[in-house]
Amino acid sequence: MKAKEVREMLAEDLVKKIDSLEEEFFNLRFQAKMGQLTNPLQLRYVKRDIARVKTILNEKQKSAAAKA
């Protein structure tokens, strides 16, 4: 997921996206522990996506607070 795509999303959608990414990360960790994970790099990608979405959500919240 590109940062440009994330910046175009609304704050509500970002919260939902974080929830789904965290759920996906949990499932990937579970698969890794069970030895069923086919692509170990997928953990890294999902983790980075979570951080990217949280960062942009934080930026949006700060800019909204500055305007108010």
PDB file of N, CA and C in Angstrom:
ATOM      1  N   MET A   1       0.841  -1.162   0.000  1.00  0.00           N
ATOM      2  CA  MET A   1       0.000   0.000   0.000  1.00  0.00           C
ATOM      3  C   MET A   1       0.896   1.238   0.000  1.00  0.00           C
ATOM      4  N   LYS A   2       0.637   2.127  -0.908  1.00  0.00           N
ATOM      5  CA  LYS A   2       1.431   3.338  -1.055  1.00  0.00           C
ATOM      6  C   LYS A   2       0.897   4.437  -0.130  1.00  0.00           C
ATOM      7  N   ALA A   3       1.791   5.318   0.290  1.00  0.00           N
ATOM      8  CA  ALA A   3       1.405   6.414   1.165  1.00  0.00           C
ATOM      9  C   ALA A   3       0.410   7.339   0.479  1.00  0.00           C
ATOM     10  N   LYS A   4       0.558   7.502  -0.819  1.00  0.00           N
ATOM     11  CA  LYS A   4      -0.350   8.371  -1.567  1.00  0.00           C
ATOM     12  C   LYS A   4      -1.781   7.842  -1.487  1.00  0.00           C
ATOM     13  N   GLU A   5      -1.935   6.528  -1.589  1.00  0.00           N
ATOM     14  CA  GLU A   5      -3.257   5.913  -1.493  1.00  0.00           C
ATOM     15  C   GLU A   5      -3.848   6.126  -0.110  1.00  0.00           C
ATOM     16  N   VAL A   6      -3.006   6.011   0.916  1.00  0.00           N
ATOM     17  CA  VAL A   6      -3.477   6.131   2.294  1.00  0.00           C
ATOM     18  C   VAL A   6      -3.889   7.564   2.590  1.00  0.00           C
ATOM     19  N   ARG A   7      -3.143   8.533   2.075  1.00  0.00           N
ATOM     20  CA  ARG A   7      -3.457   9.944   2.325  1.00  0.00           C
ATOM     21  C   ARG A   7      -4.805  10.343   1.737  1.00  0.00           C
ATOM     22  N   GLU A   8      -5.255   9.656   0.718  1.00  0.00           N
ATOM     23  CA  GLU A   8      -6.535   9.971   0.085  1.00  0.00           C
ATOM     24  C   GLU A   8      -7.725   9.410   0.866  1.00  0.00           C
ATOM     25  N   MET A   9      -7.466   8.531   1.816  1.00  0.00           N
ATOM     26  CA  MET A   9      -8.542   7.908   2.585  1.00  0.00           C
ATOM     27  C   MET A   9      -9.011   8.842   3.704  1.00  0.00           C
ATOM     28  N   LEU A  10     -10.250   8.657   4.120  1.00  0.00           N
ATOM     29  CA  LEU A  10     -10.801   9.409   5.242  1.00  0.00           C
ATOM     30  C   LEU A  10     -10.320   8.807   6.553  1.00  0.00           C
ATOM     31  N   ALA A  11     -10.417   9.571   7.635  1.00  0.00           N
ATOM     32  CA  ALA A  11      -9.951   9.119   8.945  1.00  0.00           C
ATOM     33  C   ALA A  11     -10.691   7.854   9.393  1.00  0.00           C
ATOM     34  N   GLU A  12     -11.990   7.798   9.129  1.00  0.00           N
ATOM     35  CA  GLU A  12     -12.780   6.615   9.520  1.00  0.00           C
ATOM     36  C   GLU A  12     -12.275   5.368   8.801  1.00  0.00           C
ATOM     37  N   ASP A  13     -11.973   5.551   7.519  1.00  0.00           N
ATOM     38  CA  ASP A  13     -11.475   4.428   6.729  1.00  0.00           C
ATOM     39  C   ASP A  13     -10.101   3.985   7.206  1.00  0.00           C
ATOM     40  N   LEU A  14      -9.295   4.934   7.663  1.00  0.00           N
ATOM     41  CA  LEU A  14      -7.962   4.591   8.160  1.00  0.00           C
ATOM     42  C   LEU A  14      -8.050   3.748   9.429  1.00  0.00           C
ATOM     43  N   VAL A  15      -9.001   4.084  10.289  1.00  0.00           N
ATOM     44  CA  VAL A  15      -9.184   3.304  11.525  1.00  0.00           C
ATOM     45  C   VAL A  15      -9.593   1.872  11.174  1.00  0.00           C
ATOM     46  N   LYS A  16     -10.500   1.733  10.222  1.00  0.00           N
ATOM     47  CA  LYS A  16     -10.927   0.400   9.784  1.00  0.00           C
ATOM     48  C   LYS A  16      -9.763  -0.352   9.156  1.00  0.00           C
ATOM     49  N   LYS A  17      -8.942   0.361   8.392  1.00  0.00           N
ATOM     50  CA  LYS A  17      -7.791  -0.262   7.733  1.00  0.00           C
ATOM     51  C   LYS A  17      -6.786  -0.748   8.768  1.00  0.00           C
ATOM     52  N   ILE A  18      -6.578   0.024   9.827  1.00  0.00           N
ATOM     53  CA  ILE A  18      -5.667  -0.392  10.895  1.00  0.00           C
ATOM     54  C   ILE A  18      -6.177  -1.671  11.541  1.00  0.00           C
ATOM     55  N   ASP A  19      -7.471  -1.721  11.812  1.00  0.00           N
ATOM     56  CA  ASP A  19      -8.052  -2.922  12.420  1.00  0.00           C
ATOM     57  C   ASP A  19      -7.838  -4.152  11.544  1.00  0.00           C
ATOM     58  N   SER A  20      -8.087  -4.004  10.258  1.00  0.00           N
ATOM     59  CA  SER A  20      -7.938  -5.161   9.365  1.00  0.00           C
ATOM     60  C   SER A  20      -6.473  -5.559   9.218  1.00  0.00           C
ATOM     61  N   LEU A  21      -5.566  -4.589   9.178  1.00  0.00           N
ATOM     62  CA  LEU A  21      -4.143  -4.911   9.066  1.00  0.00           C
ATOM     63  C   LEU A  21      -3.622  -5.588  10.332  1.00  0.00           C
ATOM     64  N   GLU A  22      -4.096  -5.135  11.494  1.00  0.00           N
ATOM     65  CA  GLU A  22      -3.670  -5.766  12.748  1.00  0.00           C
ATOM     66  C   GLU A  22      -4.188  -7.193  12.838  1.00  0.00           C
ATOM     67  N   GLU A  23      -5.393  -7.412  12.356  1.00  0.00           N
ATOM     68  CA  GLU A  23      -5.937  -8.773  12.328  1.00  0.00           C
ATOM     69  C   GLU A  23      -5.119  -9.653  11.381  1.00  0.00           C
ATOM     70  N   GLU A  24      -4.772  -9.100  10.225  1.00  0.00           N
ATOM     71  CA  GLU A  24      -3.953  -9.840   9.266  1.00  0.00           C
ATOM     72  C   GLU A  24      -2.574 -10.143   9.851  1.00  0.00           C
ATOM     73  N   PHE A  25      -2.000  -9.178  10.574  1.00  0.00           N
ATOM     74  CA  PHE A  25      -0.695  -9.373  11.199  1.00  0.00           C
ATOM     75  C   PHE A  25      -0.759 -10.485  12.244  1.00  0.00           C
ATOM     76  N   PHE A  26      -1.840 -10.497  13.028  1.00  0.00           N
ATOM     77  CA  PHE A  26      -2.018 -11.558  14.024  1.00  0.00           C
ATOM     78  C   PHE A  26      -2.069 -12.931  13.351  1.00  0.00           C
ATOM     79  N   ASN A  27      -2.852 -13.022  12.279  1.00  0.00           N
ATOM     80  CA  ASN A  27      -2.966 -14.303  11.577  1.00  0.00           C
ATOM     81  C   ASN A  27      -1.635 -14.735  10.974  1.00  0.00           C
ATOM     82  N   LEU A  28      -0.877 -13.795  10.451  1.00  0.00           N
ATOM     83  CA  LEU A  28       0.431 -14.120   9.889  1.00  0.00           C
ATOM     84  C   LEU A  28       1.404 -14.586  10.967  1.00  0.00           C
ATOM     85  N   ARG A  29       1.358 -13.936  12.121  1.00  0.00           N
ATOM     86  CA  ARG A  29       2.228 -14.369  13.224  1.00  0.00           C
ATOM     87  C   ARG A  29       1.861 -15.773  13.668  1.00  0.00           C
ATOM     88  N   PHE A  30       0.566 -16.036  13.718  1.00  0.00           N
ATOM     89  CA  PHE A  30       0.101 -17.371  14.104  1.00  0.00           C
ATOM     90  C   PHE A  30       0.593 -18.414  13.098  1.00  0.00           C
ATOM     91  N   GLN A  31       0.476 -18.106  11.808  1.00  0.00           N
ATOM     92  CA  GLN A  31       0.955 -19.030  10.771  1.00  0.00           C
ATOM     93  C   GLN A  31       2.457 -19.227  10.876  1.00  0.00           C
ATOM     94  N   ALA A  32       3.185 -18.176  11.210  1.00  0.00           N
ATOM     95  CA  ALA A  32       4.636 -18.273  11.332  1.00  0.00           C
ATOM     96  C   ALA A  32       5.015 -19.206  12.480  1.00  0.00           C
ATOM     97  N   LYS A  33       4.320 -19.103  13.576  1.00  0.00           N
ATOM     98  CA  LYS A  33       4.604 -19.965  14.726  1.00  0.00           C
ATOM     99  C   LYS A  33       4.262 -21.426  14.432  1.00  0.00           C
ATOM    100  N   MET A  34       3.251 -21.626  13.601  1.00  0.00           N
ATOM    101  CA  MET A  34       2.850 -22.989  13.259  1.00  0.00           C
ATOM    102  C   MET A  34       3.693 -23.553  12.117  1.00  0.00           C
ATOM    103  N   GLY A  35       4.516 -22.708  11.521  1.00  0.00           N
ATOM    104  CA  GLY A  35       5.353 -23.165  10.428  1.00  0.00           C
ATOM    105  C   GLY A  35       4.628 -23.259   9.099  1.00  0.00           C
ATOM    106  N   GLN A  36       3.535 -22.549   8.947  1.00  0.00           N
ATOM    107  CA  GLN A  36       2.734 -22.620   7.734  1.00  0.00           C
ATOM    108  C   GLN A  36       2.843 -21.364   6.872  1.00  0.00           C
ATOM    109  N   LEU A  37       3.677 -20.414   7.282  1.00  0.00           N
ATOM    110  CA  LEU A  37       3.798 -19.162   6.545  1.00  0.00           C
ATOM    111  C   LEU A  37       4.634 -19.385   5.292  1.00  0.00           C
ATOM    112  N   THR A  38       4.065 -19.050   4.142  1.00  0.00           N
ATOM    113  CA  THR A  38       4.766 -19.288   2.883  1.00  0.00           C
ATOM    114  C   THR A  38       5.749 -18.177   2.548  1.00  0.00           C
ATOM    115  N   ASN A  39       5.428 -16.935   2.924  1.00  0.00           N
ATOM    116  CA  ASN A  39       6.303 -15.811   2.623  1.00  0.00           C
ATOM    117  C   ASN A  39       6.591 -15.039   3.913  1.00  0.00           C
ATOM    118  N   PRO A  40       7.738 -15.252   4.538  1.00  0.00           N
ATOM    119  CA  PRO A  40       8.038 -14.578   5.802  1.00  0.00           C
ATOM    120  C   PRO A  40       8.147 -13.054   5.672  1.00  0.00           C
ATOM    121  N   LEU A  41       8.452 -12.564   4.484  1.00  0.00           N
ATOM    122  CA  LEU A  41       8.551 -11.117   4.294  1.00  0.00           C
ATOM    123  C   LEU A  41       7.196 -10.437   4.402  1.00  0.00           C
ATOM    124  N   GLN A  42       6.146 -11.205   4.279  1.00  0.00           N
ATOM    125  CA  GLN A  42       4.802 -10.661   4.372  1.00  0.00           C
ATOM    126  C   GLN A  42       4.572 -10.027   5.754  1.00  0.00           C
ATOM    127  N   LEU A  43       5.189 -10.598   6.783  1.00  0.00           N
ATOM    128  CA  LEU A  43       5.088 -10.022   8.122  1.00  0.00           C
ATOM    129  C   LEU A  43       5.636  -8.601   8.130  1.00  0.00           C
ATOM    130  N   ARG A  44       6.762  -8.405   7.504  1.00  0.00           N
ATOM    131  CA  ARG A  44       7.400  -7.097   7.457  1.00  0.00           C
ATOM    132  C   ARG A  44       6.534  -6.097   6.699  1.00  0.00           C
ATOM    133  N   TYR A  45       5.985  -6.527   5.580  1.00  0.00           N
ATOM    134  CA  TYR A  45       5.173  -5.632   4.764  1.00  0.00           C
ATOM    135  C   TYR A  45       3.921  -5.172   5.511  1.00  0.00           C
ATOM    136  N   VAL A  46       3.263  -6.089   6.186  1.00  0.00           N
ATOM    137  CA  VAL A  46       2.041  -5.737   6.918  1.00  0.00           C
ATOM    138  C   VAL A  46       2.387  -4.824   8.092  1.00  0.00           C
ATOM    139  N   LYS A  47       3.493  -5.108   8.753  1.00  0.00           N
ATOM    140  CA  LYS A  47       3.919  -4.290   9.878  1.00  0.00           C
ATOM    141  C   LYS A  47       4.200  -2.853   9.425  1.00  0.00           C
ATOM    142  N   ARG A  48       4.840  -2.710   8.288  1.00  0.00           N
ATOM    143  CA  ARG A  48       5.128  -1.381   7.747  1.00  0.00           C
ATOM    144  C   ARG A  48       3.846  -0.665   7.312  1.00  0.00           C
ATOM    145  N   ASP A  49       2.908  -1.416   6.759  1.00  0.00           N
ATOM    146  CA  ASP A  49       1.637  -0.816   6.364  1.00  0.00           C
ATOM    147  C   ASP A  49       0.891  -0.275   7.579  1.00  0.00           C
ATOM    148  N   ILE A  50       0.929  -1.030   8.674  1.00  0.00           N
ATOM    149  CA  ILE A  50       0.281  -0.580   9.912  1.00  0.00           C
ATOM    150  C   ILE A  50       0.918   0.726  10.376  1.00  0.00           C
ATOM    151  N   ALA A  51       2.236   0.776  10.385  1.00  0.00           N
ATOM    152  CA  ALA A  51       2.936   1.984  10.819  1.00  0.00           C
ATOM    153  C   ALA A  51       2.630   3.157   9.895  1.00  0.00           C
ATOM    154  N   ARG A  52       2.584   2.894   8.598  1.00  0.00           N
ATOM    155  CA  ARG A  52       2.307   3.944   7.622  1.00  0.00           C
ATOM    156  C   ARG A  52       0.906   4.528   7.840  1.00  0.00           C
ATOM    157  N   VAL A  53      -0.069   3.664   8.025  1.00  0.00           N
ATOM    158  CA  VAL A  53      -1.448   4.127   8.206  1.00  0.00           C
ATOM    159  C   VAL A  53      -1.585   4.884   9.527  1.00  0.00           C
ATOM    160  N   LYS A  54      -0.952   4.388  10.591  1.00  0.00           N
ATOM    161  CA  LYS A  54      -1.027   5.073  11.881  1.00  0.00           C
ATOM    162  C   LYS A  54      -0.376   6.449  11.816  1.00  0.00           C
ATOM    163  N   THR A  55       0.730   6.551  11.109  1.00  0.00           N
ATOM    164  CA  THR A  55       1.419   7.833  10.977  1.00  0.00           C
ATOM    165  C   THR A  55       0.551   8.849  10.253  1.00  0.00           C
ATOM    166  N   ILE A  56      -0.047   8.431   9.159  1.00  0.00           N
ATOM    167  CA  ILE A  56      -0.880   9.353   8.379  1.00  0.00           C
ATOM    168  C   ILE A  56      -2.146   9.726   9.147  1.00  0.00           C
ATOM    169  N   LEU A  57      -2.712   8.769   9.883  1.00  0.00           N
ATOM    170  CA  LEU A  57      -3.885   9.071  10.710  1.00  0.00           C
ATOM    171  C   LEU A  57      -3.523  10.103  11.777  1.00  0.00           C
ATOM    172  N   ASN A  58      -2.361   9.941  12.380  1.00  0.00           N
ATOM    173  CA  ASN A  58      -1.899  10.888  13.390  1.00  0.00           C
ATOM    174  C   ASN A  58      -1.709  12.272  12.783  1.00  0.00           C
ATOM    175  N   GLU A  59      -1.150  12.343  11.574  1.00  0.00           N
ATOM    176  CA  GLU A  59      -0.980  13.632  10.894  1.00  0.00           C
ATOM    177  C   GLU A  59      -2.331  14.294  10.645  1.00  0.00           C
ATOM    178  N   LYS A  60      -3.297  13.500  10.203  1.00  0.00           N
ATOM    179  CA  LYS A  60      -4.630  14.050   9.912  1.00  0.00           C
ATOM    180  C   LYS A  60      -5.284  14.568  11.193  1.00  0.00           C
ATOM    181  N   GLN A  61      -5.123  13.846  12.285  1.00  0.00           N
ATOM    182  CA  GLN A  61      -5.730  14.259  13.543  1.00  0.00           C
ATOM    183  C   GLN A  61      -5.081  15.545  14.058  1.00  0.00           C
ATOM    184  N   LYS A  62      -3.768  15.655  13.908  1.00  0.00           N
ATOM    185  CA  LYS A  62      -3.089  16.862  14.358  1.00  0.00           C
ATOM    186  C   LYS A  62      -3.471  18.070  13.518  1.00  0.00           C
ATOM    187  N   SER A  63      -3.595  17.869  12.218  1.00  0.00           N
ATOM    188  CA  SER A  63      -3.971  19.001  11.354  1.00  0.00           C
ATOM    189  C   SER A  63      -5.414  19.423  11.627  1.00  0.00           C
ATOM    190  N   ALA A  64      -6.283  18.474  11.947  1.00  0.00           N
ATOM    191  CA  ALA A  64      -7.674  18.808  12.269  1.00  0.00           C
ATOM    192  C   ALA A  64      -7.736  19.559  13.600  1.00  0.00           C
ATOM    193  N   ALA A  65      -6.901  19.182  14.542  1.00  0.00           N
ATOM    194  CA  ALA A  65      -6.887  19.854  15.834  1.00  0.00           C
ATOM    195  C   ALA A  65      -6.311  21.265  15.709  1.00  0.00           C
ATOM    196  N   ALA A  66      -5.353  21.442  14.811  1.00  0.00           N
ATOM    197  CA  ALA A  66      -4.760  22.761  14.610  1.00  0.00           C
ATOM    198  C   ALA A  66      -5.752  23.716  13.966  1.00  0.00           C
ATOM    199  N   LYS A  67      -6.626  23.178  13.114  1.00  0.00           N
ATOM    200  CA  LYS A  67      -7.622  24.019  12.443  1.00  0.00           C
ATOM    201  C   LYS A  67      -8.729  24.436  13.381  1.00  0.00           C
ATOM    202  N   ALA A  68      -9.000  23.611  14.400  1.00  0.00           N
ATOM    203  CA  ALA A  68     -10.112  23.885  15.318  1.00  0.00           C
ATOM    204  C   ALA A  68      -9.726  24.829  16.432  1.00  0.00           C
TER     205      ALA A  68
END
